[in-house]
C-alpha cells in the first residue's frame, strides 16, 4: 500500500509545488511508482508534471470530488501518474456544501488506488480550508515546506496547529505523522539564519537537512514544466533535493 504524503504551508510562494514535484521525481527515478495529486486551484504542480495546460485536462480532481465515477488518473511517464487540478477547484466549498462527510472525499478516492503505488504525493493549497482538511485526513504523513522568514514561518505554524487538531481527533486522522520540515529558497543572511535556528529549536528532528538553497534554475525548470534532475542535474539545489528525497524515503518507508 502506498504511503500518502501531503505537502503544506498556509503561505503561498514557499516552493511547495516545486518541492512536491522534486521529491516525487526523485522517487520515480529510484524505481518507485508515484501518484501526484494536485489540490491547489492554481495548478502549479499540474503545470510542472503534465505536458498539458491545466485547462486542457478532460477530468480533474474537482470532477472526482463532484462524482467519484469521474476519478481520473493520467499516466505521464514511467513511474509517474497525476490527478490534475485547475482553477474551478476554487469553488470546492460551494460545490460540496450539501455533501455529507465532505472532509473525507479525498480519503475515499485514494483508498481505491493506494495498492497501485509506492507513494501518493498531495500538493495542498495555501489555505486552512476544507481541501487542506481533506489532505490531512487522507494522508499518512505531513511534510511542511517553508522559507526561513517570518511570514512563511507563521504559515507553517498554522498548518502545525491544524495537524494537531486532525491528529487529536479519533474521527479524523489520529495516525497522521509529522514526517518532515523542508526549508526552501534559502539565502544566507542574518534573518534567515535566525528563522532557521528557530525552526530547528522548535521542531528538532522533524527538520530535514540540508536546506534547499535558492536557485534560478529550479524556478526555470518549474516554469518550463521540466523536472530539475533533467534540467539542472549538477546544480547545488538539485543535489540538495535529491538528498532530502532519500532522507524522507527513509522516514516514511524505511528504505532508500
Foldseek 3Di string as FASTA:
>chain_A
DAAEEEEAFLDPDLCRLLLLLLLQVLVVVVVFQEEEAELAQCFLNVLQQAPDDLVPDPAAVLNCLLPVVRQDWADHDRSYIYRTHHNVSVCVCVSCVPPPPSLQSLLVNVVVCRVVGHYYYYYHYSNDDSSVSSSQQNHQEYEYEAEQADVRVVRSVVVVVVNCVQLVDPVGHVNYYHQAYAHEQYDDDDSSVVSVVVCCVVVPPRYQDDHQHRDPQSVVSSVVSHRCCVRPVPDPNSVRSSSSSQVSCCRRPNGD
